[in-house]
N, C-alpha and C. Protein backbone atom coordinates (compact mmCIF):
# COMPACT_ATOMS: atom_id res chain seq x y z
N MET A 1 -160.50 14.06 -130.78
CA MET A 1 -161.74 14.14 -130.39
C MET A 1 -162.53 13.08 -131.40
N MET A 2 -163.42 12.45 -130.92
CA MET A 2 -164.33 11.57 -131.84
C MET A 2 -165.42 12.53 -132.42
N ASP A 3 -165.52 12.33 -133.89
CA ASP A 3 -166.52 13.37 -134.76
C ASP A 3 -167.85 12.59 -134.62
N GLU A 4 -168.00 11.24 -134.08
CA GLU A 4 -169.26 10.32 -134.34
C GLU A 4 -170.25 10.86 -133.39
N TYR A 5 -171.32 11.38 -134.19
CA TYR A 5 -172.36 11.78 -133.24
C TYR A 5 -173.85 11.26 -133.79
N GLY A 6 -174.61 10.75 -133.04
CA GLY A 6 -175.75 10.14 -133.85
C GLY A 6 -176.59 9.17 -132.74
N TRP A 7 -177.25 7.97 -133.24
CA TRP A 7 -177.82 7.20 -132.37
C TRP A 7 -177.53 5.79 -132.90
N ALA A 8 -177.13 4.89 -131.92
CA ALA A 8 -177.07 3.25 -132.36
C ALA A 8 -177.87 2.74 -133.01
N ALA A 9 -177.67 2.25 -134.06
CA ALA A 9 -178.62 1.67 -135.06
C ALA A 9 -179.48 0.57 -134.41
N ASN A 10 -179.10 -0.30 -133.43
CA ASN A 10 -180.12 -1.05 -132.48
C ASN A 10 -180.26 -0.47 -131.36
N SER A 11 -180.61 0.64 -130.87
CA SER A 11 -180.48 1.43 -129.77
C SER A 11 -181.51 0.85 -128.75
N ASP A 12 -182.54 0.18 -129.36
CA ASP A 12 -183.60 -0.11 -128.59
C ASP A 12 -184.15 0.99 -127.63
N MET A 13 -184.28 2.26 -128.36
CA MET A 13 -184.64 3.53 -127.96
C MET A 13 -186.17 3.52 -127.26
N PRO A 14 -186.48 3.75 -125.67
CA PRO A 14 -187.83 3.68 -125.26
C PRO A 14 -188.63 4.75 -125.97
N ALA A 15 -189.79 4.59 -126.38
CA ALA A 15 -190.84 5.09 -127.01
C ALA A 15 -190.99 6.49 -126.06
N ALA A 16 -191.27 7.70 -126.84
CA ALA A 16 -191.20 8.96 -125.97
C ALA A 16 -192.70 8.88 -125.18
N ASN A 17 -193.55 8.23 -125.66
CA ASN A 17 -194.99 7.93 -124.83
C ASN A 17 -194.57 7.13 -123.51
N ALA A 18 -193.99 6.17 -123.65
CA ALA A 18 -193.46 5.18 -122.67
C ALA A 18 -192.67 5.84 -121.57
N VAL A 19 -191.67 6.64 -122.09
CA VAL A 19 -190.98 7.37 -121.07
C VAL A 19 -192.07 8.59 -120.45
N ARG A 20 -192.56 9.24 -120.99
CA ARG A 20 -193.53 9.98 -120.15
C ARG A 20 -194.67 9.40 -119.17
N ALA A 21 -195.20 8.49 -119.88
CA ALA A 21 -195.99 7.36 -118.92
C ALA A 21 -195.42 6.72 -117.87
N GLY A 22 -194.04 6.35 -118.00
CA GLY A 22 -193.37 5.82 -116.71
C GLY A 22 -192.53 6.85 -115.87
N TRP A 23 -192.54 8.39 -116.34
CA TRP A 23 -191.62 9.07 -115.43
C TRP A 23 -192.02 8.94 -114.13
N ALA A 24 -192.82 9.08 -113.45
CA ALA A 24 -193.19 8.93 -111.89
C ALA A 24 -192.46 7.81 -111.29
N ALA A 25 -192.47 6.80 -112.41
CA ALA A 25 -191.98 5.44 -111.55
C ALA A 25 -190.32 5.42 -111.66
N THR A 26 -190.15 5.97 -112.86
CA THR A 26 -188.50 6.31 -112.95
C THR A 26 -187.95 7.22 -111.83
N VAL A 27 -188.43 8.12 -111.55
CA VAL A 27 -188.07 9.01 -110.69
C VAL A 27 -188.11 8.36 -109.16
N ALA A 28 -188.93 7.39 -108.84
CA ALA A 28 -189.18 6.83 -107.69
C ALA A 28 -188.03 5.62 -107.71
N ALA A 29 -187.92 5.01 -108.83
CA ALA A 29 -186.88 3.97 -108.83
C ALA A 29 -185.43 4.44 -108.62
N LEU A 30 -185.04 5.75 -109.23
CA LEU A 30 -184.09 6.15 -109.49
C LEU A 30 -183.67 7.58 -108.59
N PRO A 31 -183.75 7.80 -107.33
CA PRO A 31 -183.58 8.99 -106.76
C PRO A 31 -182.08 9.35 -106.76
N THR A 32 -182.16 11.05 -106.57
CA THR A 32 -180.79 11.33 -106.65
C THR A 32 -179.85 10.64 -105.72
N GLY A 33 -178.55 10.62 -106.41
CA GLY A 33 -177.63 9.33 -105.53
C GLY A 33 -177.41 8.14 -105.96
N SER A 34 -178.60 7.79 -106.77
CA SER A 34 -178.48 6.42 -107.17
C SER A 34 -177.61 6.02 -108.11
N LYS A 35 -176.81 4.94 -108.19
CA LYS A 35 -176.02 4.59 -109.15
C LYS A 35 -176.59 3.78 -110.26
N ILE A 36 -176.21 4.07 -111.68
CA ILE A 36 -176.99 3.79 -112.66
C ILE A 36 -175.76 3.03 -113.68
N THR A 37 -176.36 2.01 -114.31
CA THR A 37 -175.54 1.54 -115.45
C THR A 37 -176.25 1.37 -116.39
N GLY A 38 -175.50 1.67 -117.69
CA GLY A 38 -176.47 1.40 -119.21
C GLY A 38 -175.46 1.35 -120.44
N VAL A 39 -176.03 1.32 -121.39
CA VAL A 39 -175.41 1.41 -122.60
C VAL A 39 -175.62 2.75 -123.49
N VAL A 40 -174.59 3.41 -124.32
CA VAL A 40 -174.95 4.55 -124.45
C VAL A 40 -175.44 4.39 -125.85
N ILE A 41 -176.64 4.93 -126.16
CA ILE A 41 -177.44 4.83 -127.56
C ILE A 41 -177.36 5.90 -128.26
N GLY A 42 -176.90 7.05 -127.86
CA GLY A 42 -176.76 8.39 -128.49
C GLY A 42 -175.72 9.30 -128.16
N ARG A 43 -175.07 9.87 -129.27
CA ARG A 43 -174.08 10.57 -128.72
C ARG A 43 -174.24 11.83 -129.76
N GLN A 44 -174.36 12.89 -128.74
CA GLN A 44 -174.40 14.26 -129.43
C GLN A 44 -173.30 15.11 -128.68
N ALA A 45 -173.21 16.57 -129.49
CA ALA A 45 -172.05 17.59 -129.22
C ALA A 45 -172.33 17.62 -127.62
N PHE A 46 -173.54 17.75 -127.07
CA PHE A 46 -173.81 18.21 -125.72
C PHE A 46 -173.72 17.02 -124.80
N GLY A 47 -173.55 15.55 -125.07
CA GLY A 47 -173.51 14.82 -124.19
C GLY A 47 -174.14 13.42 -124.70
N VAL A 48 -174.08 12.42 -123.49
CA VAL A 48 -174.35 11.01 -124.31
C VAL A 48 -175.66 10.59 -123.56
N PHE A 49 -176.74 9.81 -124.43
CA PHE A 49 -177.85 9.33 -123.86
C PHE A 49 -177.52 7.99 -123.63
N VAL A 50 -178.34 7.37 -122.23
CA VAL A 50 -177.99 5.93 -121.99
C VAL A 50 -179.51 5.41 -121.57
N ARG A 51 -179.18 4.24 -122.18
CA ARG A 51 -180.46 3.19 -121.94
C ARG A 51 -180.19 2.79 -120.57
N ILE A 52 -180.85 2.92 -119.40
CA ILE A 52 -180.58 2.49 -118.11
C ILE A 52 -180.71 0.92 -117.86
N ASP A 53 -179.89 0.04 -117.60
CA ASP A 53 -180.32 -1.33 -117.01
C ASP A 53 -181.36 -1.36 -116.04
N GLY A 54 -182.33 -2.40 -116.37
CA GLY A 54 -183.42 -2.41 -115.53
C GLY A 54 -184.39 -1.30 -115.20
N VAL A 55 -184.39 -0.58 -116.27
CA VAL A 55 -185.64 0.47 -116.13
C VAL A 55 -185.82 0.93 -117.57
N PRO A 56 -186.54 0.05 -118.45
CA PRO A 56 -186.68 0.04 -119.76
C PRO A 56 -187.35 1.34 -120.19
N ALA A 57 -188.27 1.97 -119.48
CA ALA A 57 -188.93 3.34 -119.94
C ALA A 57 -188.05 4.44 -119.61
N ALA A 58 -186.92 4.17 -119.20
CA ALA A 58 -186.24 5.69 -118.85
C ALA A 58 -185.08 6.00 -119.73
N LEU A 59 -184.66 7.21 -119.83
CA LEU A 59 -183.55 7.89 -120.44
C LEU A 59 -182.72 8.54 -119.88
N ALA A 60 -181.21 8.34 -119.93
CA ALA A 60 -180.38 9.23 -119.07
C ALA A 60 -179.73 9.95 -119.98
N LEU A 61 -179.29 11.07 -119.50
CA LEU A 61 -178.22 12.25 -120.22
C LEU A 61 -177.13 12.38 -119.18
N ALA A 62 -175.83 12.17 -119.73
CA ALA A 62 -174.56 12.87 -119.15
C ALA A 62 -173.98 13.78 -120.12
N GLY A 63 -174.43 15.11 -119.57
CA GLY A 63 -174.11 16.36 -120.43
C GLY A 63 -172.57 16.61 -120.18
N ILE A 64 -172.07 17.35 -121.17
CA ILE A 64 -170.75 17.87 -121.21
C ILE A 64 -170.36 18.87 -120.17
N ALA A 65 -171.19 19.30 -119.42
CA ALA A 65 -171.00 20.26 -118.31
C ALA A 65 -170.23 19.77 -117.07
N SER A 66 -170.19 18.54 -117.17
CA SER A 66 -169.87 17.32 -116.14
C SER A 66 -168.68 16.94 -116.58
N MET A 67 -168.23 16.99 -117.61
CA MET A 67 -166.99 16.47 -118.37
C MET A 67 -165.50 17.15 -118.25
N PRO A 68 -164.76 16.68 -117.63
CA PRO A 68 -163.19 17.25 -117.56
C PRO A 68 -163.10 17.55 -118.82
N LEU A 69 -162.22 18.63 -119.16
CA LEU A 69 -161.87 19.29 -120.35
C LEU A 69 -160.76 18.13 -121.24
N ASP A 70 -160.09 17.38 -120.47
CA ASP A 70 -159.12 16.28 -121.07
C ASP A 70 -159.93 15.03 -121.47
N MET A 71 -161.06 14.86 -121.35
CA MET A 71 -161.79 13.59 -121.40
C MET A 71 -162.73 13.68 -122.80
N GLU A 72 -163.01 12.57 -123.31
CA GLU A 72 -163.94 12.67 -124.43
C GLU A 72 -165.15 11.78 -124.18
N LEU A 73 -166.01 11.89 -124.63
CA LEU A 73 -167.88 11.54 -124.86
C LEU A 73 -167.36 9.88 -125.00
N PRO A 74 -168.08 8.83 -124.26
CA PRO A 74 -168.07 7.53 -124.65
C PRO A 74 -168.58 7.22 -125.82
N ALA A 75 -168.01 6.16 -126.61
CA ALA A 75 -168.61 5.73 -127.85
C ALA A 75 -169.82 5.05 -127.70
N LEU A 76 -170.57 5.31 -128.90
CA LEU A 76 -171.92 4.40 -129.00
C LEU A 76 -171.72 3.16 -128.84
N GLY A 77 -172.50 2.42 -127.94
CA GLY A 77 -172.49 1.07 -127.64
C GLY A 77 -171.49 0.78 -126.06
N ALA A 78 -170.98 1.93 -125.79
CA ALA A 78 -169.98 1.40 -124.52
C ALA A 78 -171.10 1.65 -123.32
N VAL A 79 -170.56 0.57 -122.50
CA VAL A 79 -171.27 0.25 -121.04
C VAL A 79 -170.70 1.35 -120.23
N VAL A 80 -171.41 2.13 -119.53
CA VAL A 80 -170.71 3.23 -118.72
C VAL A 80 -171.74 3.04 -117.45
N SER A 81 -171.23 3.88 -116.18
CA SER A 81 -172.11 3.91 -115.00
C SER A 81 -171.80 5.29 -114.37
N GLY A 82 -172.69 5.46 -113.33
CA GLY A 82 -172.44 7.07 -113.03
C GLY A 82 -173.49 7.08 -111.77
N GLU A 83 -173.70 8.43 -111.34
CA GLU A 83 -174.55 8.87 -110.20
C GLU A 83 -175.72 9.68 -110.64
N VAL A 84 -176.93 9.54 -110.60
CA VAL A 84 -178.13 10.38 -110.83
C VAL A 84 -177.63 11.73 -109.90
N TYR A 85 -178.14 12.75 -110.49
CA TYR A 85 -177.95 13.96 -109.63
C TYR A 85 -179.02 15.14 -110.03
N TRP A 86 -180.08 14.50 -110.99
CA TRP A 86 -181.05 15.37 -111.29
C TRP A 86 -182.00 14.81 -112.08
N HIS A 87 -183.31 15.12 -111.84
CA HIS A 87 -184.50 14.59 -112.91
C HIS A 87 -185.16 15.83 -113.43
N ASP A 88 -184.86 15.61 -114.96
CA ASP A 88 -185.30 16.86 -115.64
C ASP A 88 -187.04 16.64 -116.15
N ASP A 89 -187.70 17.11 -115.41
CA ASP A 89 -189.07 16.88 -115.60
C ASP A 89 -189.52 17.32 -116.79
N ARG A 90 -189.12 18.25 -117.30
CA ARG A 90 -189.68 18.63 -118.57
C ARG A 90 -189.22 17.98 -119.75
N ASN A 91 -187.84 17.31 -119.78
CA ASN A 91 -187.71 16.51 -120.82
C ASN A 91 -187.79 15.13 -120.61
N HIS A 92 -188.15 14.73 -119.27
CA HIS A 92 -188.41 13.34 -118.91
C HIS A 92 -186.94 12.45 -119.21
N GLN A 93 -185.92 13.13 -118.36
CA GLN A 93 -184.63 12.41 -118.53
C GLN A 93 -184.06 12.41 -117.16
N VAL A 94 -183.30 11.21 -116.93
CA VAL A 94 -182.45 11.33 -115.70
C VAL A 94 -181.16 11.82 -116.07
N ARG A 95 -180.71 13.05 -115.36
CA ARG A 95 -179.24 13.59 -115.71
C ARG A 95 -178.35 12.68 -114.57
N PHE A 96 -177.29 12.37 -115.24
CA PHE A 96 -176.11 11.65 -114.17
C PHE A 96 -174.94 12.27 -114.64
N ARG A 97 -173.82 11.98 -113.76
CA ARG A 97 -172.42 12.30 -114.07
C ARG A 97 -171.86 10.87 -114.13
N LEU A 98 -171.06 10.54 -115.23
CA LEU A 98 -170.25 9.20 -115.29
C LEU A 98 -169.19 9.19 -114.33
N ASP A 99 -168.94 8.06 -113.86
CA ASP A 99 -167.94 7.74 -112.71
C ASP A 99 -166.71 8.06 -113.19
N GLU A 100 -166.37 7.84 -114.67
CA GLU A 100 -164.89 8.26 -114.95
C GLU A 100 -164.52 9.66 -115.08
N TRP A 101 -165.76 10.41 -115.03
CA TRP A 101 -165.61 12.03 -115.17
C TRP A 101 -165.13 12.21 -113.65
N GLN A 102 -165.97 11.62 -112.70
CA GLN A 102 -165.75 12.01 -111.26
C GLN A 102 -164.42 11.71 -110.78
N ALA A 103 -164.20 10.42 -111.29
CA ALA A 103 -162.81 10.02 -111.04
C ALA A 103 -161.51 10.69 -111.14
N ALA A 104 -161.91 11.77 -112.39
CA ALA A 104 -160.75 12.57 -113.12
C ALA A 104 -160.94 14.06 -112.52
N GLY A 105 -161.53 13.86 -111.23
CA GLY A 105 -161.65 15.42 -110.58
C GLY A 105 -162.72 16.20 -110.60
N THR A 106 -164.11 15.93 -111.17
CA THR A 106 -164.90 16.54 -111.37
C THR A 106 -165.85 16.52 -110.11
């Protein structure tokens, strides 16, 4: 298992105030079931944060609750894709399941 947790040095992380201000537009642009692609900009023990292509003021989280036991979190800088399953209004995060996790039987 990879022990590297943290944030990419040049992650181009959206500012918190931009994420909050653009939340309604993010939810409208990425309804449940939407396919997304982006770059892993943060890697934590509970999941990975992804900068979503085409939605600059959005942040997505793929949590380990959706990860099969025999898989690992993607590395920082990895390009990933998946499907939106929830909008976390409290944290202003798009929650999604990685395609590779779904293909493994989740």
